[in-house]
Protein backbone atom coordinates (compact mmCIF):
# COMPACT_ATOMS: atom_id res chain seq x y z
CA MET A 1 205.30 -134.19 69.92
CA SER A 2 205.67 -131.78 67.04
CA ARG A 3 208.11 -129.45 65.35
CA ILE A 4 207.26 -125.80 64.69
CA LEU A 5 209.16 -124.70 61.60
CA LEU A 6 209.34 -121.80 59.15
CA LEU A 7 209.25 -123.43 55.72
CA GLN A 8 208.76 -122.59 52.08
CA GLY A 9 205.85 -124.18 50.29
CA ASN A 10 208.33 -126.22 48.23
CA GLN A 11 209.93 -127.51 51.43
CA ALA A 12 206.53 -128.44 52.87
CA VAL A 13 205.79 -130.46 49.71
CA VAL A 14 208.95 -132.47 50.38
CA GLU A 15 207.89 -133.16 53.95
CA GLY A 16 204.42 -134.19 52.78
CA ALA A 17 205.88 -136.53 50.17
CA ILE A 18 208.12 -138.28 52.67
CA ALA A 19 205.25 -138.53 55.15
CA ALA A 20 203.10 -140.15 52.44
CA GLY A 21 205.76 -142.75 51.69
CA CYS A 22 207.43 -141.25 48.61
CA ARG A 23 210.70 -143.10 48.13
CA PHE A 24 211.72 -142.09 44.61
CA PHE A 25 212.28 -138.77 42.90
CA GLY A 26 213.33 -138.34 39.31
CA GLY A 27 213.73 -134.77 38.19
CA TYR A 28 215.60 -131.97 36.51
CA PRO A 29 216.14 -128.56 38.12
CA ILE A 30 214.02 -125.60 37.01
CA THR A 31 213.02 -122.36 38.73
CA PRO A 32 210.83 -122.03 40.80
CA SER A 33 210.55 -125.73 41.74
CA THR A 34 214.23 -126.57 42.25
CA GLU A 35 214.01 -126.60 46.05
CA VAL A 36 211.81 -129.70 45.82
CA ALA A 37 214.60 -131.58 44.05
CA GLU A 38 217.37 -130.17 46.25
CA LEU A 39 215.70 -131.14 49.49
CA LEU A 40 214.61 -134.59 48.33
CA ALA A 41 218.22 -135.24 47.22
CA GLU A 42 219.15 -134.71 50.86
CA LYS A 43 216.22 -136.36 52.60
CA LEU A 44 215.30 -139.42 50.50
CA PRO A 45 218.53 -141.33 51.27
CA GLN A 46 217.84 -140.77 54.98
CA VAL A 47 214.60 -142.80 54.71
CA GLY A 48 215.84 -145.48 52.32
CA GLY A 49 214.67 -143.70 49.19
CA LYS A 50 216.38 -142.90 45.90
CA PHE A 51 217.00 -139.59 44.15
CA ILE A 52 218.14 -139.29 40.57
CA GLN A 53 218.68 -136.22 38.41
CA MET A 54 218.02 -137.25 34.84
CA GLU A 55 219.33 -135.63 31.67
CA ASP A 56 216.07 -133.78 31.01
CA GLU A 57 212.42 -133.46 32.01
CA ILE A 58 211.25 -136.21 29.68
CA ALA A 59 213.63 -138.77 31.14
CA SER A 60 212.77 -137.73 34.69
CA ILE A 61 209.08 -138.58 34.41
CA GLY A 62 210.03 -141.77 32.58
CA ALA A 63 212.15 -142.75 35.58
CA CYS A 64 209.18 -142.04 37.87
CA ILE A 65 206.94 -144.29 35.77
CA GLY A 66 209.50 -147.07 36.08
CA ALA A 67 209.81 -146.59 39.84
CA SER A 68 206.03 -146.66 40.22
CA LEU A 69 205.83 -149.90 38.23
CA ALA A 70 208.37 -151.33 40.65
CA GLY A 71 206.04 -150.53 43.55
CA LYS A 72 207.46 -147.23 44.78
CA LYS A 73 205.61 -143.99 45.39
CA ALA A 74 207.28 -141.59 42.98
CA MET A 75 207.48 -137.83 42.47
CA THR A 76 208.83 -135.40 39.91
CA ALA A 77 208.80 -131.60 40.04
CA THR A 78 209.05 -128.90 37.40
CA SER A 79 207.69 -125.60 36.09
CA GLY A 80 205.99 -124.51 32.85
CA PRO A 81 208.55 -125.40 30.14
CA GLY A 82 209.43 -128.67 31.86
CA PHE A 83 205.75 -129.44 32.36
CA SER A 84 205.29 -129.14 28.61
CA LEU A 85 208.12 -131.60 28.00
CA LYS A 86 206.63 -134.11 30.44
CA GLN A 87 203.25 -134.21 28.71
CA GLU A 88 203.93 -137.13 26.35
CA LEU A 89 204.94 -139.48 29.15
CA LEU A 90 202.20 -138.05 31.36
CA GLY A 91 199.88 -139.36 28.65
CA LEU A 92 201.53 -142.78 28.93
CA ALA A 93 200.97 -142.73 32.69
CA CYS A 94 197.30 -141.87 32.11
CA ALA A 95 196.82 -144.60 29.49
CA SER A 96 198.65 -147.24 31.52
CA GLU A 97 197.16 -146.02 34.83
CA ILE A 98 200.49 -145.48 36.56
CA PRO A 99 200.21 -143.56 39.86
CA LEU A 100 202.69 -140.74 40.44
CA VAL A 101 202.72 -137.17 41.75
CA LEU A 102 203.90 -134.32 39.53
CA VAL A 103 204.61 -130.98 41.21
CA ASN A 104 204.28 -128.01 38.85
CA VAL A 105 205.31 -124.71 40.44
CA GLN A 106 203.96 -122.33 37.81
CA ARG A 107 205.80 -119.28 36.50
CA VAL A 108 205.18 -116.71 33.78
CA GLY A 109 205.30 -118.12 30.24
CA PRO A 110 205.17 -119.12 27.49
CA SER A 111 208.67 -120.44 26.81
CA THR A 112 211.25 -119.02 29.21
CA GLY A 113 208.87 -116.20 30.17
CA GLN A 114 209.70 -114.74 33.57
CA PRO A 115 211.32 -117.60 35.50
CA THR A 116 211.05 -116.02 38.95
CA SER A 117 207.61 -114.44 38.63
CA PRO A 118 204.30 -115.99 39.73
CA SER A 119 201.65 -117.17 37.32
CA GLN A 120 198.77 -119.59 37.02
CA GLY A 121 199.12 -119.98 33.27
CA ASP A 122 199.31 -123.79 33.24
CA VAL A 123 195.73 -124.39 34.36
CA MET A 124 194.49 -125.72 31.06
CA GLN A 125 197.77 -127.50 30.38
CA ALA A 126 197.26 -129.42 33.62
CA ARG A 127 193.95 -130.75 32.34
CA TRP A 128 194.49 -130.99 28.58
CA GLY A 129 198.27 -130.79 28.07
CA THR A 130 198.68 -134.32 26.80
CA HIS A 131 196.79 -135.63 23.80
CA GLY A 132 193.59 -137.65 23.56
CA ASP A 133 190.85 -138.17 26.11
CA HIS A 134 192.50 -138.69 29.47
CA TRP A 135 191.56 -138.23 33.11
CA ILE A 136 193.70 -136.57 35.72
CA ILE A 137 193.51 -134.91 39.14
CA ALA A 138 195.07 -131.54 39.99
CA LEU A 139 195.25 -129.97 43.46
CA ALA A 140 196.13 -126.35 44.30
CA PRO A 141 197.47 -125.49 47.78
CA THR A 142 197.13 -121.95 49.11
CA THR A 143 199.22 -122.10 52.29
CA VAL A 144 202.47 -123.73 53.36
CA PRO A 145 200.70 -126.11 55.79
CA GLU A 146 198.37 -127.07 52.96
CA CYS A 147 201.38 -127.93 50.78
CA PHE A 148 202.16 -130.59 53.38
CA THR A 149 198.65 -132.00 53.72
CA LEU A 150 197.72 -131.77 50.03
CA THR A 151 200.87 -133.61 48.99
CA GLN A 152 199.75 -136.48 51.21
CA ARG A 153 196.29 -136.17 49.69
CA ALA A 154 197.83 -136.30 46.20
CA TYR A 155 199.41 -139.67 47.00
CA GLU A 156 196.20 -140.95 48.54
CA LEU A 157 194.24 -140.14 45.37
CA SER A 158 196.97 -141.30 43.01
CA GLU A 159 197.32 -144.71 44.66
CA LYS A 160 193.57 -145.21 45.18
CA TYR A 161 192.53 -144.38 41.62
CA ARG A 162 195.72 -145.30 39.75
CA VAL A 163 196.03 -141.89 38.15
CA PRO A 164 198.73 -139.22 37.95
CA VAL A 165 198.02 -136.34 40.34
CA ILE A 166 199.36 -132.84 39.73
CA MET A 167 200.24 -130.50 42.57
CA LEU A 168 199.36 -127.33 40.66
CA MET A 169 201.29 -124.77 42.67
CA ASP A 170 202.54 -121.30 41.77
CA GLU A 171 205.63 -119.30 42.64
CA VAL A 172 203.74 -117.37 45.33
CA VAL A 173 203.04 -120.53 47.33
CA GLY A 174 206.24 -122.37 46.39
CA HIS A 175 208.62 -119.68 47.65
CA MET A 176 206.56 -118.14 50.46
CA ARG A 177 207.54 -118.99 54.03
CA GLU A 178 205.00 -119.64 56.78
CA ARG A 179 204.85 -121.30 60.15
CA ILE A 180 204.04 -125.00 59.98
CA ASP A 181 203.55 -127.50 62.77
CA LEU A 182 204.89 -130.94 61.74
CA PRO A 183 204.91 -134.18 63.74
CA ASP A 184 208.30 -135.29 65.07
CA SER A 185 207.83 -138.60 63.30
CA TYR A 186 205.78 -139.68 60.30
CA GLU A 187 205.57 -143.30 61.46
CA ASP A 188 201.96 -142.94 62.65
CA ILE A 189 200.71 -141.35 59.41
CA ALA A 190 198.58 -143.80 57.43
CA GLN A 191 200.24 -144.81 54.18
CA PRO A 192 198.10 -144.93 51.04
CA MET A 193 198.36 -148.32 49.38
CA ARG A 194 197.46 -149.37 45.86
CA LYS A 195 195.12 -152.30 45.32
CA GLN A 196 196.82 -155.71 45.14
CA PRO A 197 195.60 -158.79 43.27
CA THR A 198 193.81 -161.54 45.18
CA CYS A 199 194.22 -164.19 42.47
CA ALA A 200 197.18 -166.46 41.74
CA PRO A 201 199.87 -165.04 39.42
CA GLU A 202 198.88 -167.39 36.58
CA GLU A 203 195.28 -166.10 36.73
CA PHE A 204 196.21 -162.42 36.84
CA LYS A 205 194.92 -160.02 34.19
CA ALA A 206 196.61 -156.64 34.38
CA TYR A 207 193.51 -154.52 33.75
CA ALA A 208 190.69 -156.69 35.08
CA THR A 209 188.55 -154.68 37.50
CA ASP A 210 185.75 -154.93 40.02
CA GLU A 211 183.03 -152.40 40.86
CA SER A 212 185.70 -149.82 41.74
CA LEU A 213 186.82 -149.81 38.09
CA VAL A 214 190.43 -149.58 39.36
CA PRO A 215 192.68 -152.51 38.42
CA ALA A 216 194.98 -154.14 40.95
CA MET A 217 198.62 -153.13 40.56
CA PRO A 218 201.26 -155.59 41.75
CA ALA A 219 204.87 -154.44 41.64
CA PHE A 220 207.17 -155.66 38.90
CA GLY A 221 209.26 -158.45 40.38
CA SER A 222 206.52 -159.62 42.76
CA GLY A 223 205.65 -162.68 40.67
CA TYR A 224 202.78 -161.11 38.76
CA ARG A 225 203.53 -160.41 35.12
CA TRP A 226 201.82 -157.76 33.06
CA HIS A 227 202.29 -155.85 29.84
CA VAL A 228 202.52 -152.05 29.88
CA THR A 229 201.63 -150.16 26.74
CA GLY A 230 200.35 -146.78 25.67
CA LEU A 231 198.25 -148.49 23.03
CA VAL A 232 194.59 -149.20 23.68
CA HIS A 233 194.52 -152.52 25.52
CA ASP A 234 192.11 -155.04 26.96
CA GLU A 235 192.08 -156.75 30.36
CA THR A 236 195.29 -158.62 29.57
CA GLY A 237 197.20 -155.40 29.02
CA PHE A 238 198.04 -156.33 25.44
CA PRO A 239 197.04 -154.05 22.53
CA LYS A 240 193.50 -154.39 21.22
CA GLY A 241 192.85 -152.53 17.98
CA THR A 242 189.07 -152.39 18.01
CA GLY A 243 186.63 -149.55 18.47
CA ALA A 244 184.94 -151.44 21.28
CA ALA A 245 188.23 -151.70 23.18
CA THR A 246 188.83 -147.95 22.81
CA VAL A 247 185.35 -147.17 24.14
CA ALA A 248 185.70 -149.63 27.03
CA GLN A 249 189.09 -148.29 28.13
CA THR A 250 188.09 -144.64 27.80
CA ASP A 251 184.77 -145.07 29.60
CA ARG A 252 186.23 -147.07 32.47
CA GLN A 253 188.96 -144.52 33.09
CA TYR A 254 186.38 -141.73 32.96
CA HIS A 255 184.00 -143.39 35.38
CA LYS A 256 186.64 -144.40 37.93
CA ILE A 257 187.16 -140.64 38.44
CA TYR A 258 183.80 -139.04 37.67
CA ASP A 259 181.72 -141.57 39.61
CA ASN A 260 183.72 -140.60 42.70
CA LEU A 261 183.63 -136.81 42.65
CA GLU A 262 182.32 -136.66 46.22
CA ASP A 263 185.53 -138.37 47.34
CA ILE A 264 187.88 -136.45 45.04
CA VAL A 265 186.61 -132.86 44.78
CA GLU A 266 187.37 -130.53 47.66
CA VAL A 267 186.52 -126.83 47.99
CA GLU A 268 186.57 -124.25 50.75
CA GLU A 269 183.70 -121.85 51.32
CA TYR A 270 184.72 -118.53 52.86
CA LYS A 271 181.91 -116.27 54.09
CA LEU A 272 179.44 -117.61 51.55
CA ASP A 273 176.49 -118.16 53.90
CA ASP A 274 174.93 -114.75 53.19
CA ALA A 275 177.05 -113.70 50.20
CA GLU A 276 175.45 -111.76 47.36
CA PHE A 277 178.64 -111.78 45.29
CA ALA A 278 181.32 -114.49 45.09
CA ILE A 279 184.94 -114.82 44.11
CA ILE A 280 186.27 -118.09 42.68
CA ALA A 281 190.02 -118.50 43.10
CA PHE A 282 192.68 -121.11 43.83
CA GLY A 283 196.31 -121.36 44.91
CA GLY A 284 198.28 -118.19 45.53
CA ALA A 285 195.57 -115.99 43.98
CA ALA A 286 193.15 -117.02 46.72
CA ARG A 287 195.39 -115.53 49.40
CA THR A 288 194.58 -112.03 48.20
CA ALA A 289 190.87 -112.80 48.17
CA TYR A 290 190.65 -113.40 51.93
CA ASP A 291 191.79 -109.87 52.76
CA ALA A 292 189.80 -108.29 49.93
CA ILE A 293 186.63 -110.03 51.11
CA ASP A 294 187.21 -108.88 54.70
CA ALA A 295 187.69 -105.32 53.44
CA ALA A 296 184.53 -105.55 51.34
CA ARG A 297 182.59 -106.84 54.33
CA ALA A 298 183.85 -103.88 56.39
CA GLU A 299 182.21 -101.62 53.80
CA GLY A 300 178.93 -103.53 53.97
CA LEU A 301 179.39 -105.57 50.81
CA LYS A 302 178.30 -109.19 51.20
CA VAL A 303 181.15 -110.98 49.41
CA GLY A 304 182.46 -114.52 49.83
CA MET A 305 184.77 -116.99 48.14
CA LEU A 306 184.63 -120.49 46.74
CA ARG A 307 188.24 -121.68 46.81
CA CYS A 308 188.91 -124.59 44.48
CA ILE A 309 191.31 -126.93 46.26
CA THR A 310 190.66 -129.60 43.65
CA VAL A 311 191.12 -127.69 40.40
CA TRP A 312 190.55 -130.78 38.22
CA PRO A 313 188.12 -132.46 38.09
CA PHE A 314 186.28 -129.15 37.98
CA PRO A 315 183.94 -128.67 40.99
CA GLU A 316 180.94 -128.43 38.71
CA GLN A 317 178.18 -129.09 41.22
CA GLN A 318 179.59 -126.64 43.76
CA VAL A 319 179.83 -123.88 41.14
CA LYS A 320 176.29 -124.54 39.89
CA THR A 321 174.97 -124.30 43.44
CA LEU A 322 176.92 -121.10 44.04
CA ALA A 323 175.62 -119.48 40.84
CA SER A 324 172.03 -120.11 41.95
CA LYS A 325 172.59 -118.22 45.22
CA VAL A 326 174.58 -115.11 44.26
CA GLN A 327 174.05 -112.12 41.99
CA GLY A 328 177.47 -112.38 40.35
CA ILE A 329 180.77 -114.27 40.32
CA MET A 330 184.28 -112.92 39.76
CA VAL A 331 187.03 -115.38 38.86
CA HIS A 332 190.48 -114.30 40.01
CA GLU A 333 193.48 -116.03 38.48
CA LEU A 334 197.07 -115.08 37.70
CA ASN A 335 196.70 -115.25 33.94
CA ARG A 336 194.70 -113.55 31.20
CA GLY A 337 191.76 -115.90 31.60
CA GLN A 338 191.74 -119.71 31.65
CA TYR A 339 189.72 -121.14 34.53
CA VAL A 340 187.08 -118.46 33.93
CA THR A 341 186.06 -120.23 30.72
CA GLU A 342 185.16 -123.34 32.68
CA VAL A 343 183.22 -121.27 35.23
CA GLU A 344 181.30 -119.57 32.42
CA ARG A 345 180.49 -122.94 30.87
CA VAL A 346 179.07 -124.33 34.08
CA VAL A 347 177.26 -121.17 35.22
CA ALA A 348 175.61 -121.02 31.78
CA GLY A 349 174.22 -117.52 32.23
CA VAL A 350 172.51 -118.10 35.59
CA CYS A 351 174.44 -115.09 36.93
CA PRO A 352 177.06 -112.72 35.47
CA VAL A 353 180.67 -114.00 35.47
CA THR A 354 183.57 -111.55 35.29
CA LEU A 355 187.34 -112.03 35.23
CA PHE A 356 190.00 -110.35 37.31
CA GLY A 357 193.08 -111.68 35.57
CA LYS A 358 196.49 -110.55 36.80
CA TYR A 359 199.43 -111.24 34.49
CA ASP A 360 201.99 -108.51 35.15
CA ASN A 361 204.52 -110.62 37.10
CA GLU A 362 202.95 -109.69 40.44
CA PRO A 363 200.11 -111.10 42.54
CA ALA A 364 197.16 -108.80 43.09
CA THR A 365 196.93 -106.67 46.21
CA PRO A 366 193.78 -106.69 48.36
CA GLU A 367 193.21 -103.06 47.36
CA GLU A 368 193.29 -103.95 43.66
CA MET A 369 190.88 -106.81 44.18
CA LEU A 370 188.50 -104.71 46.27
CA ALA A 371 188.37 -102.19 43.44
CA GLU A 372 187.55 -104.98 40.97
CA ILE A 373 184.84 -106.33 43.30
CA LYS A 374 183.21 -102.92 43.52
CA LYS A 375 183.36 -102.49 39.75
CA ALA A 376 181.81 -105.92 39.16
CA MET A 377 179.06 -105.16 41.72
CA GLY A 378 178.40 -101.71 40.24
CA LYS A 379 179.39 -99.95 43.47
């Protein structure tokens, strides 16, 4: 049996989190993500979970790190200014390999910006916001049903690879309402589980790994003891101040992600089979592209789209393949140009790359995008 509902994207994220086994939320309200906190405050106690509003964004992600260490699937949610505040402890989660899901419903910035207006201005912050070399996964839903499924996917990846995962949403998707078909019960949905040690507690080394390069992660209080630090550490978890230890830790964390891109990276191809020109977009910006592409096709223009569902790691191979097949690529994003720089790097001059950046507080219309497509194609 199922339930047919009319939900916001933010509400669908909550349902996806509960379905995936999230049982802890630590957060601080901020437009346009507040509905995530409000609804989890209501729903988590109903499934045996805990909700806590902390004094600020920094403390809220700290609480999530603690809950994750205790064995719980944890979530926090925010928008641009709060995302900036969370970056230091996001770095700790990366260094210590603490799984958690961070929902960032983007709005116009910088600073207070336009709190109720859509933007995709946090794209580079999602990848490089914290300091040092670090590895992270970011997913961008485009529809309300995808907010539900991608939140589950975020937990699957976070638990499997012991890495923070960012749900890189935007106000368009977060506040839009669409029909969604949800199961009556989430009991039959497979729960992602983190790897557990197979050795005795006295033999346990917190960061010892096998061929997966992902360490086992027993919960605090389970009998296995381990040291958590943001310092470079060795297999024991204790600080190791050598160059070799820095290289070993950095390389292992890189390879646990980048050796598994086929498992992690997901894209959608829309009418690309015979396309001569392609749009690259993600999140709310991609919604406009569907209609613009259909309108272009009606005028005889062979246009398609590569939609990046996994924004980070960047879908490098898919973009390289696309560039070899089309005469030009237009990147559409709700900012003045961020993701386009990564596309240009990977395309490396194989075909022209143009930007349709929209940063006037409004998403693009299909008519505006069609005009940009024609201009880029010289029509």
